[in-house]
Amino acid sequence: METQGQQLLGAREIDNRVHRMAFQIQENHPRTPFVLVGIFKRGVPLAKRLAKVLEMERPDVKCGAIDITLYRDDPGNVSAADVMEVAEMPLDIDGSVVVLVDDVLFTGRTVRAAIDALMDFGRPAKIELACLVDRGHRELPIQPNYCGLVRHTGPGEYLRVVLREEDGQDGLYLVKSKTDPVTPA
């Protein structure tokens, strides 16, 4: 897979950060059951990786997936290519601790949409956020509880996460562009 941009993390560094986040989640919830819920698209394989790391200590950890397509606050920017995925909730989340998992935290709007979508499945006792990388530039008051890397981006820069489950390899790249693909010009 050809990826333009400066590589910030390789496969080993991504694995190390996923392991560190998993251990932090375990430390914060040593006896409390929790559910990992990945946000489509790349949050899902990250949630599954976290679950795999945690399974030695927490064989009961459940992992789900959620699609936010219908919950976005910019429906004009949703194209036919944004095909809805099927949400996979492993259990009733009422009263549960839910850890939402995503690859990149940017404005906070994706997380807001994910929280809205999650509420259609029940009322969690608590919702936390784990993200591989926080690129700053928040528009909503949302912060990660667990974060692999904080890397603020400048004008015309964005971060591209590639994962072996989706892209055939792991990496985090800083890409320079005239417009940010997430934010309309």
Foldseek 3Di string as FASTA:
>chain_A
DDDDFAFPDFPVLLLVLLLVLLVVVCVVCVPAAEEEEEEPDVRQVSSVSSCVSCCVSCVPYHYWYDYLLVQAPCVVPDDPVSDTDDTGDPDQQAQHEYEYEYAEAEQCRSVVSVVVRVVVRHDYPYYAYEYAEYQYHYNDPDDHPGYSYYHHDDPQWDKDFDDCVHHNGTTIGIDGGNHDPVDDD
